[in-house]
Amino acid sequence: MHPRTTISPELREWILATTRAGHGVPEVLRLLKENGYDPRQSRSIVAEVLKLPLATLLASTAKGSPQGLRTKHPEAPEVCIDGHAVGVSLGVDMPALRVLENILSAEECDELIELARPRLQRALTVDSEGRHQVDQRRTSEGMFFTLNEVPLVGRIEQRLATLLGVPASHGEGLQILHYLPGQEYEPHFDWFDPEQPGYGAITAVGGQRIASVVMYLNTPAQGGGTAFPEIGLTVTARRGAAVYFAYEGGDQSSLHAGLPVLQGEKWIATKWLRERPYKKPKKA
């Protein structure tokens, strides 16, 4: 092949098919180079096809930067893990997204809520410098478990590790969030922006985030779903189910929001996965 100035339909489809098959951006660029494409042109082409900011793509493929650990996206309609018949009821290609049924039992949901309830505080977000802060976009209360803090948490972490092919050590501590009527989390990304000044400090403790799992611990009377506005999808919050989504390379289509609770309350458990083993940062 020779370098091209336009993106043919065949090339576009090849890039999409290759990434859907689980190959990351560095692998796609390597294959393009082997077939005669100029590396600089290839980066622009891949960024356009995958709808990634070029700066984000460059950061994810920079010399010396970690290539990252990819999750495996559950494909079978049902997978038995840890005695649970976990069902896959919905799949989306971009972002790589799956709705998982029965990831938690009713008893596990109730136990997590009761363990978390006494430790709830105003939920924080991470600012551009890597510091935790109160953010008006997130109006819930929450808390974190440390890795394997109690047997229940350890079992859930191992279940997710087996299902997604990512070692439990790559996960941040399980976060429990509680939303009351009117509370929400406005649209945001879970991955860290390489252009922010605090990117180095945030990723030093485990690398970039590569995927999220949002597990619903109860079913709100109304509202409280997880919306993905870029793809026109809302996942209903139902006890015991979860939505998993990956965003290697800073996938813009992974934009999501916790919709306002209209009636009742909402409890969720969130697990963020990193490309390297995660070490909780020390407090200053």
C-alpha atoms as a PDB file:
ATOM      1  CA  MET A   1       0.000   0.000   0.000  1.00  0.00           C
ATOM      2  CA  HIS A   2       0.958   3.617  -0.422  1.00  0.00           C
ATOM      3  CA  PRO A   3       0.131   6.590   1.807  1.00  0.00           C
ATOM      4  CA  ARG A   4      -3.226   8.114   1.006  1.00  0.00           C
ATOM      5  CA  THR A   5      -4.631  11.563   1.579  1.00  0.00           C
ATOM      6  CA  THR A   6      -8.240  10.407   1.872  1.00  0.00           C
ATOM      7  CA  ILE A   7      -9.919   7.672   3.901  1.00  0.00           C
ATOM      8  CA  SER A   8     -11.437   5.037   1.685  1.00  0.00           C
ATOM      9  CA  PRO A   9     -14.572   3.179   2.849  1.00  0.00           C
ATOM     10  CA  GLU A  10     -12.510  -0.024   2.955  1.00  0.00           C
ATOM     11  CA  LEU A  11      -9.859   1.511   5.197  1.00  0.00           C
ATOM     12  CA  ARG A  12     -12.469   3.038   7.487  1.00  0.00           C
ATOM     13  CA  GLU A  13     -14.226  -0.308   7.875  1.00  0.00           C
ATOM     14  CA  TRP A  14     -10.934  -2.104   8.493  1.00  0.00           C
ATOM     15  CA  ILE A  15      -9.999   0.289  11.314  1.00  0.00           C
ATOM     16  CA  LEU A  16     -13.427  -0.099  12.939  1.00  0.00           C
ATOM     17  CA  ALA A  17     -13.413  -3.879  12.588  1.00  0.00           C
ATOM     18  CA  THR A  18      -9.885  -4.156  14.007  1.00  0.00           C
ATOM     19  CA  THR A  19     -10.669  -2.070  17.077  1.00  0.00           C
ATOM     20  CA  ARG A  20     -13.942  -3.936  17.646  1.00  0.00           C
ATOM     21  CA  ALA A  21     -11.937  -7.153  17.687  1.00  0.00           C
ATOM     22  CA  GLY A  22     -10.051  -5.853  20.728  1.00  0.00           C
ATOM     23  CA  HIS A  23      -6.914  -4.362  19.166  1.00  0.00           C
ATOM     24  CA  GLY A  24      -5.792  -1.069  20.659  1.00  0.00           C
ATOM     25  CA  VAL A  25      -4.747   2.097  18.847  1.00  0.00           C
ATOM     26  CA  PRO A  26      -0.993   1.281  19.014  1.00  0.00           C
ATOM     27  CA  GLU A  27      -1.627  -2.073  17.312  1.00  0.00           C
ATOM     28  CA  VAL A  28      -3.742  -0.459  14.576  1.00  0.00           C
ATOM     29  CA  LEU A  29      -1.003   2.106  13.900  1.00  0.00           C
ATOM     30  CA  ARG A  30       1.643  -0.620  13.780  1.00  0.00           C
ATOM     31  CA  LEU A  31      -0.355  -2.587  11.206  1.00  0.00           C
ATOM     32  CA  LEU A  32      -0.874   0.521   9.079  1.00  0.00           C
ATOM     33  CA  LYS A  33       2.864   1.276   9.153  1.00  0.00           C
ATOM     34  CA  GLU A  34       3.647  -2.308   8.068  1.00  0.00           C
ATOM     35  CA  ASN A  35       1.349  -1.773   5.085  1.00  0.00           C
ATOM     36  CA  GLY A  36       3.087   1.363   3.879  1.00  0.00           C
ATOM     37  CA  TYR A  37       1.185   4.179   5.593  1.00  0.00           C
ATOM     38  CA  ASP A  38       3.091   7.197   6.842  1.00  0.00           C
ATOM     39  CA  PRO A  39       2.903   7.180  10.705  1.00  0.00           C
ATOM     40  CA  ARG A  40       1.885  10.833  10.948  1.00  0.00           C
ATOM     41  CA  GLN A  41      -0.844  10.389   8.375  1.00  0.00           C
ATOM     42  CA  SER A  42      -1.976   7.177  10.076  1.00  0.00           C
ATOM     43  CA  ARG A  43      -2.472   8.946  13.399  1.00  0.00           C
ATOM     44  CA  SER A  44      -4.701  11.553  11.769  1.00  0.00           C
ATOM     45  CA  ILE A  45      -6.695   8.875   9.938  1.00  0.00           C
ATOM     46  CA  VAL A  46      -7.236   6.742  13.065  1.00  0.00           C
ATOM     47  CA  ALA A  47      -8.165   9.809  15.128  1.00  0.00           C
ATOM     48  CA  GLU A  48     -10.793  10.798  12.543  1.00  0.00           C
ATOM     49  CA  VAL A  49     -12.283   7.308  12.144  1.00  0.00           C
ATOM     50  CA  LEU A  50     -12.460   6.626  15.887  1.00  0.00           C
ATOM     51  CA  LYS A  51     -13.521  10.219  16.642  1.00  0.00           C
ATOM     52  CA  LEU A  52     -10.643  10.738  19.077  1.00  0.00           C
ATOM     53  CA  PRO A  53      -8.954  14.084  19.769  1.00  0.00           C
ATOM     54  CA  LEU A  54      -5.560  13.889  18.074  1.00  0.00           C
ATOM     55  CA  ALA A  55      -3.860  15.099  21.280  1.00  0.00           C
ATOM     56  CA  THR A  56      -5.401  12.229  23.216  1.00  0.00           C
ATOM     57  CA  LEU A  57      -4.316   9.698  20.586  1.00  0.00           C
ATOM     58  CA  LEU A  58      -0.776  11.085  20.555  1.00  0.00           C
ATOM     59  CA  ALA A  59      -0.579  10.851  24.352  1.00  0.00           C
ATOM     60  CA  SER A  60      -1.767   7.243  24.311  1.00  0.00           C
ATOM     61  CA  THR A  61       0.882   6.233  21.742  1.00  0.00           C
ATOM     62  CA  ALA A  62       3.831   8.364  22.851  1.00  0.00           C
ATOM     63  CA  LYS A  63       7.239   6.648  23.020  1.00  0.00           C
ATOM     64  CA  GLY A  64       7.815   5.235  26.495  1.00  0.00           C
ATOM     65  CA  SER A  65       4.183   5.530  27.548  1.00  0.00           C
ATOM     66  CA  PRO A  66       2.413   2.360  28.742  1.00  0.00           C
ATOM     67  CA  GLN A  67       0.522   0.548  26.017  1.00  0.00           C
ATOM     68  CA  GLY A  68      -2.210  -0.238  28.496  1.00  0.00           C
ATOM     69  CA  LEU A  69      -4.139  -3.309  29.488  1.00  0.00           C
ATOM     70  CA  ARG A  70      -7.297  -4.023  27.509  1.00  0.00           C
ATOM     71  CA  THR A  71     -10.362  -5.593  29.019  1.00  0.00           C
ATOM     72  CA  LYS A  72     -12.150  -8.453  27.309  1.00  0.00           C
ATOM     73  CA  HIS A  73     -15.705  -7.487  26.441  1.00  0.00           C
ATOM     74  CA  PRO A  74     -18.289 -10.137  27.499  1.00  0.00           C
ATOM     75  CA  GLU A  75     -19.875 -11.553  24.349  1.00  0.00           C
ATOM     76  CA  ALA A  76     -21.745 -14.735  25.316  1.00  0.00           C
ATOM     77  CA  PRO A  77     -25.430 -14.308  26.250  1.00  0.00           C
ATOM     78  CA  GLU A  78     -24.687 -15.855  29.646  1.00  0.00           C
ATOM     79  CA  VAL A  79     -21.498 -16.557  31.601  1.00  0.00           C
ATOM     80  CA  CYS A  80     -21.331 -18.503  34.865  1.00  0.00           C
ATOM     81  CA  ILE A  81     -18.869 -16.896  37.287  1.00  0.00           C
ATOM     82  CA  ASP A  82     -18.658 -17.457  41.027  1.00  0.00           C
ATOM     83  CA  GLY A  83     -21.984 -19.268  41.005  1.00  0.00           C
ATOM     84  CA  HIS A  84     -23.690 -16.384  39.200  1.00  0.00           C
ATOM     85  CA  ALA A  85     -25.255 -16.800  35.783  1.00  0.00           C
ATOM     86  CA  VAL A  86     -24.296 -13.324  34.510  1.00  0.00           C
ATOM     87  CA  GLY A  87     -26.365 -12.411  31.468  1.00  0.00           C
ATOM     88  CA  VAL A  88     -25.293 -10.032  28.693  1.00  0.00           C
ATOM     89  CA  SER A  89     -28.536  -8.393  27.567  1.00  0.00           C
ATOM     90  CA  LEU A  90     -27.160  -5.508  25.467  1.00  0.00           C
ATOM     91  CA  GLY A  91     -23.970  -4.893  23.524  1.00  0.00           C
ATOM     92  CA  VAL A  92     -22.658  -1.713  21.839  1.00  0.00           C
ATOM     93  CA  ASP A  93     -19.480  -1.464  19.758  1.00  0.00           C
ATOM     94  CA  MET A  94     -18.491   2.184  20.302  1.00  0.00           C
ATOM     95  CA  PRO A  95     -17.969   2.611  23.094  1.00  0.00           C
ATOM     96  CA  ALA A  96     -17.465  -1.063  23.942  1.00  0.00           C
ATOM     97  CA  LEU A  97     -20.454  -1.355  26.279  1.00  0.00           C
ATOM     98  CA  ARG A  98     -22.341  -4.271  27.810  1.00  0.00           C
ATOM     99  CA  VAL A  99     -25.364  -4.422  30.102  1.00  0.00           C
ATOM    100  CA  LEU A 100     -24.774  -7.215  32.604  1.00  0.00           C
ATOM    101  CA  GLU A 101     -27.661  -8.901  34.413  1.00  0.00           C
ATOM    102  CA  ASN A 102     -27.345 -10.534  37.852  1.00  0.00           C
ATOM    103  CA  ILE A 103     -23.769  -9.421  38.417  1.00  0.00           C
ATOM    104  CA  LEU A 104     -24.754  -9.073  42.090  1.00  0.00           C
ATOM    105  CA  SER A 105     -27.328 -10.995  44.109  1.00  0.00           C
ATOM    106  CA  ALA A 106     -30.055  -9.185  46.037  1.00  0.00           C
ATOM    107  CA  GLU A 107     -28.324 -10.145  49.286  1.00  0.00           C
ATOM    108  CA  GLU A 108     -25.002  -8.721  48.097  1.00  0.00           C
ATOM    109  CA  CYS A 109     -26.684  -5.466  47.082  1.00  0.00           C
ATOM    110  CA  ASP A 110     -28.317  -5.095  50.482  1.00  0.00           C
ATOM    111  CA  GLU A 111     -25.110  -5.921  52.338  1.00  0.00           C
ATOM    112  CA  LEU A 112     -23.080  -3.345  50.394  1.00  0.00           C
ATOM    113  CA  ILE A 113     -25.648  -0.663  51.181  1.00  0.00           C
ATOM    114  CA  GLU A 114     -25.606  -1.434  54.887  1.00  0.00           C
ATOM    115  CA  LEU A 115     -21.798  -1.534  55.028  1.00  0.00           C
ATOM    116  CA  ALA A 116     -21.566   1.809  53.247  1.00  0.00           C
ATOM    117  CA  ARG A 117     -24.386   3.718  54.929  1.00  0.00           C
ATOM    118  CA  PRO A 118     -22.497   4.780  58.115  1.00  0.00           C
ATOM    119  CA  ARG A 119     -19.527   6.063  56.079  1.00  0.00           C
ATOM    120  CA  LEU A 120     -21.296   8.248  53.507  1.00  0.00           C
ATOM    121  CA  GLN A 121     -19.920  11.730  52.796  1.00  0.00           C
ATOM    122  CA  ARG A 122     -20.447  14.294  50.016  1.00  0.00           C
ATOM    123  CA  ALA A 123     -19.110  12.618  46.863  1.00  0.00           C
ATOM    124  CA  LEU A 124     -16.000  14.212  45.361  1.00  0.00           C
ATOM    125  CA  THR A 125     -14.516  14.405  41.867  1.00  0.00           C
ATOM    126  CA  VAL A 126     -10.871  14.628  40.736  1.00  0.00           C
ATOM    127  CA  ASP A 127      -9.768  18.057  39.521  1.00  0.00           C
ATOM    128  CA  SER A 128      -7.184  18.842  36.817  1.00  0.00           C
ATOM    129  CA  GLU A 129      -4.371  18.718  39.397  1.00  0.00           C
ATOM    130  CA  GLY A 130      -5.349  15.285  40.670  1.00  0.00           C
ATOM    131  CA  ARG A 131      -6.940  16.593  43.881  1.00  0.00           C
ATOM    132  CA  HIS A 132     -10.345  15.506  45.152  1.00  0.00           C
ATOM    133  CA  GLN A 133     -12.891  18.315  45.249  1.00  0.00           C
ATOM    134  CA  VAL A 134     -16.594  19.039  45.699  1.00  0.00           C
ATOM    135  CA  ASP A 135     -18.168  19.479  42.253  1.00  0.00           C
ATOM    136  CA  GLN A 136     -21.650  20.907  41.658  1.00  0.00           C
ATOM    137  CA  ARG A 137     -22.117  18.424  38.796  1.00  0.00           C
ATOM    138  CA  ARG A 138     -22.100  15.551  41.294  1.00  0.00           C
ATOM    139  CA  THR A 139     -24.645  15.944  44.091  1.00  0.00           C
ATOM    140  CA  SER A 140     -24.628  12.481  45.675  1.00  0.00           C
ATOM    141  CA  GLU A 141     -23.083  11.077  48.848  1.00  0.00           C
ATOM    142  CA  GLY A 142     -20.518   8.319  48.696  1.00  0.00           C
ATOM    143  CA  MET A 143     -17.665   6.332  50.223  1.00  0.00           C
ATOM    144  CA  PHE A 144     -14.818   4.052  49.111  1.00  0.00           C
ATOM    145  CA  PHE A 145     -13.850   0.569  50.187  1.00  0.00           C
ATOM    146  CA  THR A 146     -10.181  -0.319  50.022  1.00  0.00           C
ATOM    147  CA  LEU A 147      -9.238  -3.286  47.843  1.00  0.00           C
ATOM    148  CA  ASN A 148     -10.409  -6.545  49.425  1.00  0.00           C
ATOM    149  CA  GLU A 149     -11.445  -4.606  52.559  1.00  0.00           C
ATOM    150  CA  VAL A 150     -14.083  -7.159  53.537  1.00  0.00           C
ATOM    151  CA  PRO A 151     -14.816 -10.634  52.108  1.00  0.00           C
ATOM    152  CA  LEU A 152     -17.848  -9.409  50.135  1.00  0.00           C
ATOM    153  CA  VAL A 153     -15.818  -6.690  48.403  1.00  0.00           C
ATOM    154  CA  GLY A 154     -13.035  -9.152  47.637  1.00  0.00           C
ATOM    155  CA  ARG A 155     -15.489 -11.594  46.035  1.00  0.00           C
ATOM    156  CA  ILE A 156     -17.001  -8.895  43.834  1.00  0.00           C
ATOM    157  CA  GLU A 157     -13.560  -7.650  42.752  1.00  0.00           C
ATOM    158  CA  GLN A 158     -12.501 -11.176  41.789  1.00  0.00           C
ATOM    159  CA  ARG A 159     -15.782 -11.774  39.937  1.00  0.00           C
ATOM    160  CA  LEU A 160     -15.205  -8.679  37.802  1.00  0.00           C
ATOM    161  CA  ALA A 161     -11.555  -9.634  37.243  1.00  0.00           C
ATOM    162  CA  THR A 162     -12.591 -13.042  35.927  1.00  0.00           C
ATOM    163  CA  LEU A 163     -15.374 -11.638  33.760  1.00  0.00           C
ATOM    164  CA  LEU A 164     -13.321  -8.824  32.193  1.00  0.00           C
ATOM    165  CA  GLY A 165      -9.857 -10.377  32.161  1.00  0.00           C
ATOM    166  CA  VAL A 166      -8.307  -7.592  34.260  1.00  0.00           C
ATOM    167  CA  PRO A 167      -6.481  -8.493  37.512  1.00  0.00           C
ATOM    168  CA  ALA A 168      -8.223  -7.287  40.658  1.00  0.00           C
ATOM    169  CA  SER A 169      -5.063  -5.333  41.517  1.00  0.00           C
ATOM    170  CA  HIS A 170      -5.770  -3.006  38.567  1.00  0.00           C
ATOM    171  CA  GLY A 171      -9.027  -1.770  40.095  1.00  0.00           C
ATOM    172  CA  GLU A 172      -9.520   1.343  42.173  1.00  0.00           C
ATOM    173  CA  GLY A 173     -11.354   0.877  45.449  1.00  0.00           C
ATOM    174  CA  LEU A 174     -15.055   0.103  45.067  1.00  0.00           C
ATOM    175  CA  GLN A 175     -17.093   3.314  45.410  1.00  0.00           C
ATOM    176  CA  ILE A 176     -20.647   3.324  46.761  1.00  0.00           C
ATOM    177  CA  LEU A 177     -22.861   6.295  45.856  1.00  0.00           C
ATOM    178  CA  HIS A 178     -26.272   7.266  47.217  1.00  0.00           C
ATOM    179  CA  TYR A 179     -28.627   9.602  45.323  1.00  0.00           C
ATOM    180  CA  LEU A 180     -31.832  11.158  46.691  1.00  0.00           C
ATOM    181  CA  PRO A 181     -34.640  12.706  44.565  1.00  0.00           C
ATOM    182  CA  GLY A 182     -33.241  15.443  42.310  1.00  0.00           C
ATOM    183  CA  GLN A 183     -29.628  14.378  42.709  1.00  0.00           C
ATOM    184  CA  GLU A 184     -27.574  13.505  39.623  1.00  0.00           C
ATOM    185  CA  TYR A 185     -24.130  13.435  38.025  1.00  0.00           C
ATOM    186  CA  GLU A 186     -23.996  15.571  34.880  1.00  0.00           C
ATOM    187  CA  PRO A 187     -22.299  14.327  31.647  1.00  0.00           C
ATOM    188  CA  HIS A 188     -18.615  13.520  32.119  1.00  0.00           C
ATOM    189  CA  PHE A 189     -15.799  11.173  31.116  1.00  0.00           C
ATOM    190  CA  ASP A 190     -14.210   8.674  33.494  1.00  0.00           C
ATOM    191  CA  TRP A 191     -10.851   8.693  31.679  1.00  0.00           C
ATOM    192  CA  PHE A 192      -8.254  11.341  32.492  1.00  0.00           C
ATOM    193  CA  ASP A 193      -7.456  14.096  29.980  1.00  0.00           C
ATOM    194  CA  PRO A 194      -3.727  13.963  29.045  1.00  0.00           C
ATOM    195  CA  GLU A 195      -3.778  17.712  28.417  1.00  0.00           C
ATOM    196  CA  GLN A 196      -4.629  18.531  32.030  1.00  0.00           C
ATOM    197  CA  PRO A 197      -1.671  19.598  34.214  1.00  0.00           C
ATOM    198  CA  GLY A 198      -2.393  16.947  36.860  1.00  0.00           C
ATOM    199  CA  TYR A 199      -2.395  14.044  34.380  1.00  0.00           C
ATOM    200  CA  GLY A 200       1.042  12.784  35.417  1.00  0.00           C
ATOM    201  CA  ALA A 201       0.181  12.663  39.114  1.00  0.00           C
ATOM    202  CA  ILE A 202      -3.193  10.980  38.529  1.00  0.00           C
ATOM    203  CA  THR A 203      -1.766   8.268  36.277  1.00  0.00           C
ATOM    204  CA  ALA A 204       1.390   7.667  38.334  1.00  0.00           C
ATOM    205  CA  VAL A 205      -0.632   5.499  40.720  1.00  0.00           C
ATOM    206  CA  GLY A 206      -1.893   3.015  38.126  1.00  0.00           C
ATOM    207  CA  GLY A 207      -1.889   4.488  34.656  1.00  0.00           C
ATOM    208  CA  GLN A 208      -4.886   5.645  32.662  1.00  0.00           C
ATOM    209  CA  ARG A 209      -8.392   4.387  33.413  1.00  0.00           C
ATOM    210  CA  ILE A 210      -9.479   1.886  30.754  1.00  0.00           C
ATOM    211  CA  ALA A 211     -13.006   0.863  31.767  1.00  0.00           C
ATOM    212  CA  SER A 212     -15.829   1.383  34.261  1.00  0.00           C
ATOM    213  CA  VAL A 213     -18.442  -0.898  35.793  1.00  0.00           C
ATOM    214  CA  VAL A 214     -21.520   0.729  37.337  1.00  0.00           C
ATOM    215  CA  MET A 215     -23.500  -1.769  39.437  1.00  0.00           C
ATOM    216  CA  TYR A 216     -27.024  -0.919  40.571  1.00  0.00           C
ATOM    217  CA  LEU A 217     -27.748  -1.849  44.187  1.00  0.00           C
ATOM    218  CA  ASN A 218     -31.455  -0.977  44.082  1.00  0.00           C
ATOM    219  CA  THR A 219     -34.168  -0.038  41.595  1.00  0.00           C
ATOM    220  CA  PRO A 220     -35.266   3.608  41.935  1.00  0.00           C
ATOM    221  CA  ALA A 221     -39.018   4.176  41.752  1.00  0.00           C
ATOM    222  CA  GLN A 222     -38.401   6.551  38.831  1.00  0.00           C
ATOM    223  CA  GLY A 223     -35.337   7.979  37.086  1.00  0.00           C
ATOM    224  CA  GLY A 224     -31.704   7.441  37.972  1.00  0.00           C
ATOM    225  CA  GLY A 225     -30.563   5.620  34.821  1.00  0.00           C
ATOM    226  CA  THR A 226     -27.140   5.972  33.208  1.00  0.00           C
ATOM    227  CA  ALA A 227     -27.295   7.980  29.962  1.00  0.00           C
ATOM    228  CA  PHE A 228     -24.787   7.907  27.092  1.00  0.00           C
ATOM    229  CA  PRO A 229     -25.792  11.027  25.106  1.00  0.00           C
ATOM    230  CA  GLU A 230     -23.280  10.515  22.270  1.00  0.00           C
ATOM    231  CA  ILE A 231     -24.933   7.239  21.272  1.00  0.00           C
ATOM    232  CA  GLY A 232     -28.517   7.955  22.388  1.00  0.00           C
ATOM    233  CA  LEU A 233     -28.626   5.197  25.012  1.00  0.00           C
ATOM    234  CA  THR A 234     -29.968   5.147  28.564  1.00  0.00           C
ATOM    235  CA  VAL A 235     -29.403   2.095  30.768  1.00  0.00           C
ATOM    236  CA  THR A 236     -32.170   1.577  33.313  1.00  0.00           C
ATOM    237  CA  ALA A 237     -31.046   1.244  36.930  1.00  0.00           C
ATOM    238  CA  ARG A 238     -32.162  -2.197  38.113  1.00  0.00           C
ATOM    239  CA  ARG A 239     -30.991  -3.960  41.263  1.00  0.00           C
ATOM    240  CA  GLY A 240     -28.279  -6.535  40.639  1.00  0.00           C
ATOM    241  CA  ALA A 241     -27.538  -5.391  37.059  1.00  0.00           C
ATOM    242  CA  ALA A 242     -24.593  -3.333  35.801  1.00  0.00           C
ATOM    243  CA  VAL A 243     -23.350  -1.398  32.807  1.00  0.00           C
ATOM    244  CA  TYR A 244     -19.739  -1.975  31.757  1.00  0.00           C
ATOM    245  CA  PHE A 245     -18.025   0.327  29.252  1.00  0.00           C
ATOM    246  CA  ALA A 246     -14.436   0.655  28.037  1.00  0.00           C
ATOM    247  CA  TYR A 247     -12.733   3.743  26.640  1.00  0.00           C
ATOM    248  CA  GLU A 248      -9.158   2.962  25.668  1.00  0.00           C
ATOM    249  CA  GLY A 249      -7.541   5.970  24.032  1.00  0.00           C
ATOM    250  CA  GLY A 250     -10.025   8.463  25.513  1.00  0.00           C
ATOM    251  CA  ASP A 251     -13.154   7.425  23.607  1.00  0.00           C
ATOM    252  CA  GLN A 252     -15.414  10.496  23.290  1.00  0.00           C
ATOM    253  CA  SER A 253     -18.467   8.256  22.857  1.00  0.00           C
ATOM    254  CA  SER A 254     -18.069   7.117  26.475  1.00  0.00           C
ATOM    255  CA  LEU A 255     -19.528  10.435  27.676  1.00  0.00           C
ATOM    256  CA  HIS A 256     -22.137   9.491  30.285  1.00  0.00           C
ATOM    257  CA  ALA A 257     -24.324  10.887  33.045  1.00  0.00           C
ATOM    258  CA  GLY A 258     -26.156   9.694  36.130  1.00  0.00           C
ATOM    259  CA  LEU A 259     -29.684  10.947  35.430  1.00  0.00           C
ATOM    260  CA  PRO A 260     -31.662  12.656  38.208  1.00  0.00           C
ATOM    261  CA  VAL A 261     -33.594  10.441  40.576  1.00  0.00           C
ATOM    262  CA  LEU A 262     -37.255  11.445  40.209  1.00  0.00           C
ATOM    263  CA  GLN A 263     -38.802   9.229  42.870  1.00  0.00           C
ATOM    264  CA  GLY A 264     -37.268   7.074  45.590  1.00  0.00           C
ATOM    265  CA  GLU A 265     -33.509   6.729  45.942  1.00  0.00           C
ATOM    266  CA  LYS A 266     -30.600   5.212  44.037  1.00  0.00           C
ATOM    267  CA  TRP A 267     -27.613   3.226  45.244  1.00  0.00           C
ATOM    268  CA  ILE A 268     -24.762   2.221  42.931  1.00  0.00           C
ATOM    269  CA  ALA A 269     -21.329   0.608  43.265  1.00  0.00           C
ATOM    270  CA  THR A 270     -18.719   1.812  40.763  1.00  0.00           C
ATOM    271  CA  LYS A 271     -15.465   0.099  39.826  1.00  0.00           C
ATOM    272  CA  TRP A 272     -12.831   1.893  37.745  1.00  0.00           C
ATOM    273  CA  LEU A 273     -10.114  -0.209  36.081  1.00  0.00           C
ATOM    274  CA  ARG A 274      -6.576   1.000  35.361  1.00  0.00           C
ATOM    275  CA  GLU A 275      -3.959  -0.143  32.844  1.00  0.00           C
ATOM    276  CA  ARG A 276      -1.498  -0.998  35.624  1.00  0.00           C
ATOM    277  CA  PRO A 277      -1.801  -2.168  39.253  1.00  0.00           C
ATOM    278  CA  TYR A 278      -3.408   0.613  41.262  1.00  0.00           C
ATOM    279  CA  LYS A 279      -1.794   2.091  44.356  1.00  0.00           C
ATOM    280  CA  LYS A 280      -3.923   4.479  46.362  1.00  0.00           C
ATOM    281  CA  PRO A 281      -2.167   7.878  46.493  1.00  0.00           C
ATOM    282  CA  LYS A 282      -0.843   8.936  49.870  1.00  0.00           C
ATOM    283  CA  LYS A 283      -2.502  11.897  51.557  1.00  0.00           C
ATOM    284  CA  ALA A 284      -0.395  15.028  51.741  1.00  0.00           C
END
